[in-house]
Amino acid sequence: MASKKVLSFHRWIALVFAPFLLLQALTGSALLFRSELGAVIEPGRSTPQGETVSVSALYAAARDIRPGVTPTRIFLPGHPDSAAFAHLSSSDGTTSYAMIDPGNAAVIAEGGVWRFPLQAALNLHYQLNAGQAGMLLVCIYGTALAILALTGLWHWWPGRNRALKSLKIPARTPQRLKLQMWHRSTGAITAIGLIVVAVTGVLTAVPGLAISSLWTAAPAPAASYPYSAERIDTGIAMAQAEFPQGQLRDIRFRPDGSLAVNFRAPRDGPWAVDTVTVDPAAPDAISAMPTEANDALWTVTYPLHTGTIIGPLGRYLILALAAALLFLAISGPLQWWRARTNRKSRA
């Protein structure tokens, strides 16, 4: 009886959250290979490799796209043929994006999130492109995925001595039962991995979740600081002095006039950064934090979530889990629909 209740609970959670889990599997798979996909589907630079303009020139190009737009963050190219990528905030609080040639600061493309498929995938994966409410929903169905994996494993578990045997799908299995058995075996094999991915995903998102903002009015957009070219270039130089060998990854332009500068730190993984916060007007207030000193929760959960904790092959393991999740999210509701249809035909 208990097993039937577990199965019923598992089934109804799956039916509710299957569309969201499909979306997470698809967007997560794309983000695992964002650099490679970007080189194929996104416009690149037209200037020769090696030609670069200053960060202040990139900032000015983004700021001058149209009146009322302020650059809030600029990502430097991660590949010699790639473009810089700017996040833009409008006076009405909306966000847009732009790709800029790092060789001559020419704007290559600009527009909303749907103009840039990989940024759209990131926004959907992290917060359904719906701010704090979307992030909360992502946390909910991340929890649902962990529950599905646990209840599926519980319902399937045949005992330690029979586990391997019960994963097999005999060749003589009737065709009408094969999908069910493939669903069962795939879920059993990938359950632990899916639990890890689900839990680490939720833990990565939770620190950025401000529950109170869900029922309070959104604050007015903060007034942006009027950055000059001199201020930006001075700030970048001050930050670079803290990590002389560091390669710039991105710069955040804060409303108070300070800069948060991130340098790539591949010694600690592909996502790691050394961070410098600097205010060119107050050089004594500079703050430098190497990646090893960063104790933020994401520095632990994100390498687990993306598989990079075990090296370059880790993302292929996560890709396999995403493929399994796609299959499970389709085959589960399909089994339910078949069973429902059969019951109606016999009635």
Protein backbone atom coordinates (compact mmCIF):
# COMPACT_ATOMS: atom_id res chain seq x y z
CA MET A 1 0.00 0.00 0.00
CA ALA A 2 2.78 2.40 0.94
CA SER A 3 4.50 1.71 -2.39
CA LYS A 4 1.31 2.57 -4.30
CA LYS A 5 1.02 5.86 -2.42
CA VAL A 6 4.65 6.69 -3.22
CA LEU A 7 4.06 5.90 -6.89
CA SER A 8 0.91 8.04 -6.98
CA PHE A 9 2.75 10.93 -5.31
CA HIS A 10 5.64 10.53 -7.78
CA ARG A 11 3.28 10.47 -10.75
CA TRP A 12 1.35 13.62 -9.86
CA ILE A 13 4.46 15.65 -9.13
CA ALA A 14 5.86 14.53 -12.48
CA LEU A 15 2.72 15.54 -14.35
CA VAL A 16 2.75 19.02 -12.79
CA PHE A 17 6.43 19.76 -13.27
CA ALA A 18 7.32 17.86 -16.46
CA PRO A 19 7.17 20.96 -18.75
CA PHE A 20 9.45 22.92 -16.42
CA LEU A 21 11.91 20.04 -16.13
CA LEU A 22 12.01 19.76 -19.92
CA LEU A 23 12.87 23.45 -20.11
CA GLN A 24 15.60 23.09 -17.48
CA ALA A 25 17.15 20.12 -19.27
CA LEU A 26 17.20 21.93 -22.63
CA THR A 27 18.51 25.26 -21.37
CA GLY A 28 21.01 23.62 -19.03
CA SER A 29 22.40 21.53 -21.89
CA ALA A 30 22.89 24.66 -24.00
CA LEU A 31 24.64 26.49 -21.17
CA LEU A 32 27.10 23.63 -20.63
CA PHE A 33 28.45 24.40 -24.10
CA ARG A 34 27.75 28.12 -24.18
CA SER A 35 31.20 29.06 -25.49
CA GLU A 36 31.11 26.54 -28.33
CA LEU A 37 27.52 27.35 -29.28
CA GLY A 38 28.23 31.07 -29.10
CA ALA A 39 31.01 30.72 -31.66
CA VAL A 40 28.50 29.13 -34.05
CA ILE A 41 25.24 31.06 -33.57
CA GLU A 42 26.34 34.49 -32.33
CA PRO A 43 27.92 37.20 -34.48
CA GLY A 44 31.65 37.55 -33.93
CA ARG A 45 34.17 40.31 -34.39
CA SER A 46 35.04 41.61 -37.85
CA THR A 47 38.39 43.10 -36.85
CA PRO A 48 41.62 41.05 -36.80
CA GLN A 49 42.47 39.07 -33.68
CA GLY A 50 44.73 40.97 -31.31
CA GLU A 51 43.23 44.39 -32.02
CA THR A 52 41.54 45.66 -28.86
CA VAL A 53 40.11 48.92 -27.66
CA SER A 54 39.89 50.03 -24.05
CA VAL A 55 37.07 49.06 -21.72
CA SER A 56 36.06 52.71 -21.63
CA ALA A 57 35.58 52.63 -25.43
CA LEU A 58 33.34 49.56 -25.11
CA TYR A 59 31.39 51.33 -22.36
CA ALA A 60 30.95 54.46 -24.49
CA ALA A 61 29.75 52.40 -27.47
CA ALA A 62 27.15 50.64 -25.31
CA ARG A 63 26.03 53.89 -23.64
CA ASP A 64 25.55 55.63 -27.00
CA ILE A 65 23.27 52.94 -28.48
CA ARG A 66 20.25 55.08 -27.59
CA PRO A 67 19.29 57.75 -25.07
CA GLY A 68 18.47 56.62 -21.55
CA VAL A 69 20.58 53.44 -21.71
CA THR A 70 23.29 52.75 -19.13
CA PRO A 71 25.79 49.84 -19.31
CA THR A 72 25.76 47.90 -16.05
CA ARG A 73 28.10 45.06 -16.97
CA ILE A 74 30.47 44.23 -19.82
CA PHE A 75 31.87 40.77 -20.51
CA LEU A 76 35.15 40.68 -22.40
CA PRO A 77 35.50 38.05 -25.16
CA GLY A 78 36.34 34.57 -23.94
CA HIS A 79 37.51 33.51 -27.40
CA PRO A 80 39.71 35.39 -29.93
CA ASP A 81 36.87 35.55 -32.48
CA SER A 82 34.14 36.51 -30.01
CA ALA A 83 32.57 39.88 -29.32
CA ALA A 84 32.21 41.72 -26.04
CA PHE A 85 28.77 41.43 -24.43
CA ALA A 86 27.14 44.31 -22.56
CA HIS A 87 24.18 44.36 -20.18
CA LEU A 88 22.20 47.59 -20.50
CA SER A 89 19.70 49.16 -18.13
CA SER A 90 17.10 51.63 -19.39
CA SER A 91 15.63 54.50 -17.41
CA ASP A 92 12.32 52.61 -17.22
CA GLY A 93 14.02 49.64 -15.52
CA THR A 94 14.07 47.28 -18.51
CA THR A 95 17.18 45.35 -19.48
CA SER A 96 18.65 44.93 -22.93
CA TYR A 97 21.92 43.62 -24.34
CA ALA A 98 24.51 44.44 -26.98
CA MET A 99 27.40 42.70 -28.70
CA ILE A 100 30.35 44.98 -29.44
CA ASP A 101 33.41 44.38 -31.61
CA PRO A 102 36.40 44.50 -29.21
CA GLY A 103 38.67 45.69 -32.04
CA ASN A 104 36.89 48.92 -32.94
CA ALA A 105 33.96 49.25 -30.47
CA ALA A 106 31.40 48.92 -33.26
CA VAL A 107 27.99 47.67 -32.09
CA ILE A 108 27.33 44.35 -33.83
CA ALA A 109 23.89 43.55 -32.43
CA GLU A 110 21.60 44.92 -29.76
CA GLY A 111 18.13 44.28 -28.43
CA GLY A 112 16.12 42.42 -25.82
CA VAL A 113 16.92 39.03 -24.37
CA TRP A 114 15.23 37.09 -27.20
CA ARG A 115 17.71 38.64 -29.64
CA PHE A 116 20.44 36.61 -27.90
CA PRO A 117 19.43 32.92 -27.58
CA LEU A 118 22.15 31.92 -25.13
CA GLN A 119 21.42 34.82 -22.79
CA ALA A 120 17.74 33.87 -23.03
CA ALA A 121 18.68 30.29 -22.09
CA LEU A 122 20.58 31.59 -19.06
CA ASN A 123 17.72 33.81 -17.94
CA LEU A 124 15.19 31.01 -18.38
CA HIS A 125 17.34 28.45 -16.61
CA TYR A 126 18.09 30.67 -13.63
CA GLN A 127 14.85 32.59 -13.17
CA LEU A 128 12.44 31.83 -16.04
CA ASN A 129 13.20 35.35 -17.27
CA ALA A 130 10.76 36.51 -14.58
CA GLY A 131 12.92 38.02 -11.85
CA GLN A 132 12.49 36.96 -8.24
CA ALA A 133 9.16 35.19 -8.84
CA GLY A 134 10.79 33.10 -11.57
CA MET A 135 13.74 32.30 -9.35
CA LEU A 136 11.39 31.10 -6.62
CA LEU A 137 9.63 28.83 -9.11
CA VAL A 138 12.99 27.46 -10.28
CA CYS A 139 13.80 26.59 -6.66
CA ILE A 140 10.40 24.90 -6.29
CA TYR A 141 10.75 22.66 -9.31
CA GLY A 142 14.40 21.97 -8.46
CA THR A 143 13.07 20.63 -5.17
CA ALA A 144 10.40 18.72 -7.09
CA LEU A 145 13.10 17.04 -9.21
CA ALA A 146 14.91 15.89 -6.07
CA ILE A 147 11.64 14.51 -4.68
CA LEU A 148 10.88 12.73 -7.97
CA ALA A 149 14.29 11.09 -8.01
CA LEU A 150 13.97 9.99 -4.37
CA THR A 151 10.43 8.63 -4.68
CA GLY A 152 11.23 6.89 -7.96
CA LEU A 153 14.26 5.25 -6.38
CA TRP A 154 12.23 4.24 -3.33
CA HIS A 155 9.45 2.72 -5.41
CA TRP A 156 11.91 0.82 -7.61
CA TRP A 157 14.35 -0.45 -4.97
CA PRO A 158 14.25 -4.28 -5.10
CA GLY A 159 16.90 -4.93 -2.47
CA ARG A 160 20.68 -4.89 -2.72
CA ASN A 161 20.97 -8.43 -4.06
CA ARG A 162 18.49 -7.87 -6.88
CA ALA A 163 19.30 -4.30 -7.91
CA LEU A 164 21.41 -5.07 -10.99
CA LYS A 165 19.09 -7.78 -12.21
CA SER A 166 16.04 -5.55 -11.90
CA LEU A 167 17.63 -2.94 -14.17
CA LYS A 168 17.65 -5.33 -17.10
CA ILE A 169 14.93 -5.20 -19.74
CA PRO A 170 14.33 -8.72 -21.05
CA ALA A 171 14.07 -9.07 -24.81
CA ARG A 172 10.76 -10.89 -24.36
CA THR A 173 9.16 -7.92 -22.61
CA PRO A 174 5.84 -7.03 -24.32
CA GLN A 175 6.10 -3.89 -26.42
CA ARG A 176 3.45 -2.12 -24.36
CA LEU A 177 5.63 -2.48 -21.24
CA LYS A 178 9.02 -1.54 -22.67
CA LEU A 179 8.61 2.22 -22.26
CA GLN A 180 7.67 1.72 -18.63
CA MET A 181 10.73 -0.46 -18.02
CA TRP A 182 13.05 1.95 -19.82
CA HIS A 183 11.63 4.76 -17.68
CA ARG A 184 12.14 2.72 -14.52
CA SER A 185 15.73 1.68 -15.32
CA THR A 186 16.79 5.13 -16.56
CA GLY A 187 15.39 6.75 -13.43
CA ALA A 188 17.07 4.23 -11.14
CA ILE A 189 20.47 4.62 -12.81
CA THR A 190 20.43 8.42 -12.83
CA ALA A 191 18.56 9.12 -9.57
CA ILE A 192 21.59 10.03 -7.45
CA GLY A 193 23.03 12.24 -10.16
CA LEU A 194 19.71 14.02 -10.65
CA ILE A 195 19.42 14.61 -6.90
CA VAL A 196 22.89 16.20 -6.86
CA VAL A 197 22.07 18.42 -9.85
CA ALA A 198 18.71 19.44 -8.36
CA VAL A 199 20.01 20.22 -4.88
CA THR A 200 23.07 22.13 -6.10
CA GLY A 201 20.91 24.10 -8.53
CA VAL A 202 18.55 25.14 -5.74
CA LEU A 203 21.44 26.04 -3.42
CA THR A 204 23.04 28.13 -6.16
CA ALA A 205 19.83 30.12 -6.67
CA VAL A 206 18.66 30.52 -3.05
CA PRO A 207 21.26 33.16 -1.98
CA GLY A 208 19.96 35.46 -4.72
CA LEU A 209 16.34 35.02 -3.72
CA ALA A 210 14.74 37.94 -1.88
CA ILE A 211 11.33 36.61 -0.82
CA SER A 212 10.12 39.99 0.45
CA SER A 213 10.45 41.48 -3.03
CA LEU A 214 7.68 39.18 -4.26
CA TRP A 215 4.99 41.25 -2.54
CA THR A 216 6.60 44.68 -2.26
CA ALA A 217 6.75 47.25 -4.99
CA ALA A 218 9.85 47.12 -7.14
CA PRO A 219 12.33 49.86 -6.25
CA ALA A 220 12.86 52.64 -8.73
CA PRO A 221 15.93 52.15 -10.92
CA ALA A 222 19.02 53.44 -9.16
CA ALA A 223 20.54 56.57 -10.59
CA SER A 224 23.62 55.63 -12.59
CA TYR A 225 26.97 57.23 -12.03
CA PRO A 226 28.28 59.31 -14.97
CA TYR A 227 31.39 57.26 -15.71
CA SER A 228 34.09 59.03 -17.67
CA ALA A 229 36.66 57.27 -19.83
CA GLU A 230 39.40 58.35 -17.44
CA ARG A 231 37.58 56.96 -14.41
CA ILE A 232 36.99 53.59 -16.08
CA ASP A 233 40.51 53.18 -17.40
CA THR A 234 42.04 54.28 -14.10
CA GLY A 235 39.88 51.81 -12.21
CA ILE A 236 40.78 48.96 -14.56
CA ALA A 237 44.49 49.76 -14.20
CA MET A 238 44.20 49.78 -10.40
CA ALA A 239 42.40 46.43 -10.46
CA GLN A 240 44.91 44.90 -12.89
CA ALA A 241 47.74 45.88 -10.55
CA GLU A 242 46.25 43.55 -7.92
CA PHE A 243 46.37 40.58 -10.33
CA PRO A 244 49.03 41.49 -12.93
CA GLN A 245 48.71 38.19 -14.81
CA GLY A 246 44.93 38.09 -14.67
CA GLN A 247 42.78 38.09 -17.81
CA LEU A 248 39.76 40.38 -17.61
CA ARG A 249 36.46 38.51 -17.67
CA ASP A 250 33.87 41.18 -16.84
CA ILE A 251 33.33 44.55 -15.22
CA ARG A 252 30.29 45.68 -13.22
CA PHE A 253 29.55 49.38 -13.24
CA ARG A 254 27.94 50.26 -9.93
CA PRO A 255 25.56 53.19 -9.33
CA ASP A 256 27.94 54.65 -6.71
CA GLY A 257 30.80 55.02 -9.22
CA SER A 258 32.85 52.02 -8.10
CA LEU A 259 33.87 49.12 -10.32
CA ALA A 260 33.73 45.40 -9.58
CA VAL A 261 36.32 43.77 -11.82
CA ASN A 262 36.52 40.00 -12.31
CA PHE A 263 39.61 38.24 -13.66
CA ARG A 264 39.55 34.67 -14.90
CA ALA A 265 41.12 32.23 -12.43
CA PRO A 266 41.38 28.94 -14.36
CA ARG A 267 43.61 27.45 -11.65
CA ASP A 268 40.42 26.87 -9.67
CA GLY A 269 38.13 25.86 -12.53
CA PRO A 270 36.54 27.46 -15.60
CA TRP A 271 34.02 29.50 -13.57
CA ALA A 272 36.41 30.81 -10.93
CA VAL A 273 37.31 34.51 -10.73
CA ASP A 274 39.62 36.79 -8.81
CA THR A 275 37.62 39.89 -7.88
CA VAL A 276 38.69 43.48 -7.29
CA THR A 277 36.37 46.25 -6.10
CA VAL A 278 37.80 49.69 -6.71
CA ASP A 279 36.73 53.32 -6.58
CA PRO A 280 39.15 55.43 -8.61
CA ALA A 281 38.28 58.43 -6.42
CA ALA A 282 39.27 56.54 -3.26
CA PRO A 283 42.33 54.45 -4.14
CA ASP A 284 42.90 53.43 -0.52
CA ALA A 285 39.52 51.65 -0.45
CA ILE A 286 40.51 49.01 -3.02
CA SER A 287 39.46 45.46 -2.14
CA ALA A 288 40.98 42.38 -3.78
CA MET A 289 39.75 38.82 -3.25
CA PRO A 290 41.45 35.84 -4.92
CA THR A 291 39.16 32.95 -5.79
CA GLU A 292 40.61 30.86 -2.97
CA ALA A 293 39.30 33.37 -0.41
CA ASN A 294 35.77 33.46 -1.83
CA ASP A 295 33.48 31.56 0.56
CA ALA A 296 30.22 32.24 -1.30
CA LEU A 297 27.99 29.17 -1.50
CA TRP A 298 27.99 29.13 -5.32
CA THR A 299 31.74 28.47 -5.38
CA VAL A 300 30.94 25.00 -3.99
CA THR A 301 27.57 24.27 -5.58
CA TYR A 302 28.20 25.58 -9.10
CA PRO A 303 31.16 23.29 -9.93
CA LEU A 304 29.03 20.36 -8.74
CA HIS A 305 25.99 21.54 -10.70
CA THR A 306 27.96 21.88 -13.94
CA GLY A 307 30.23 18.87 -13.44
CA THR A 308 33.41 20.93 -13.73
CA ILE A 309 34.48 19.74 -10.28
CA ILE A 310 35.76 16.54 -11.95
CA GLY A 311 37.41 18.27 -14.89
CA PRO A 312 36.59 18.87 -18.58
CA LEU A 313 34.69 15.59 -18.94
CA GLY A 314 32.32 16.51 -16.12
CA ARG A 315 30.02 18.56 -18.32
CA TYR A 316 29.49 15.52 -20.57
CA LEU A 317 28.31 13.61 -17.50
CA ILE A 318 25.87 16.44 -16.73
CA LEU A 319 24.80 16.42 -20.40
CA ALA A 320 24.01 12.71 -20.06
CA LEU A 321 21.92 13.48 -16.97
CA ALA A 322 20.10 16.22 -18.89
CA ALA A 323 19.36 13.75 -21.70
CA ALA A 324 18.04 11.27 -19.13
CA LEU A 325 15.85 13.98 -17.61
CA LEU A 326 14.45 14.81 -21.05
CA PHE A 327 13.56 11.15 -21.57
CA LEU A 328 12.04 10.79 -18.11
CA ALA A 329 10.01 14.01 -18.41
CA ILE A 330 8.53 12.79 -21.70
CA SER A 331 8.15 9.07 -21.04
CA GLY A 332 6.49 9.50 -17.62
CA PRO A 333 3.54 11.62 -18.78
CA LEU A 334 3.33 9.48 -21.94
CA GLN A 335 2.88 6.34 -19.81
CA TRP A 336 0.19 8.09 -17.79
CA TRP A 337 -1.62 9.15 -20.98
CA ARG A 338 -1.47 5.64 -22.43
CA ALA A 339 -2.84 4.12 -19.23
CA ARG A 340 -5.60 6.73 -19.09
CA THR A 341 -6.52 6.09 -22.72
CA ASN A 342 -6.60 2.32 -22.17
CA ARG A 343 -8.88 2.69 -19.17
CA LYS A 344 -11.29 4.82 -21.18
CA SER A 345 -11.33 2.32 -24.04
CA ARG A 346 -12.18 -0.52 -21.66
CA ALA A 347 -14.93 1.44 -19.94
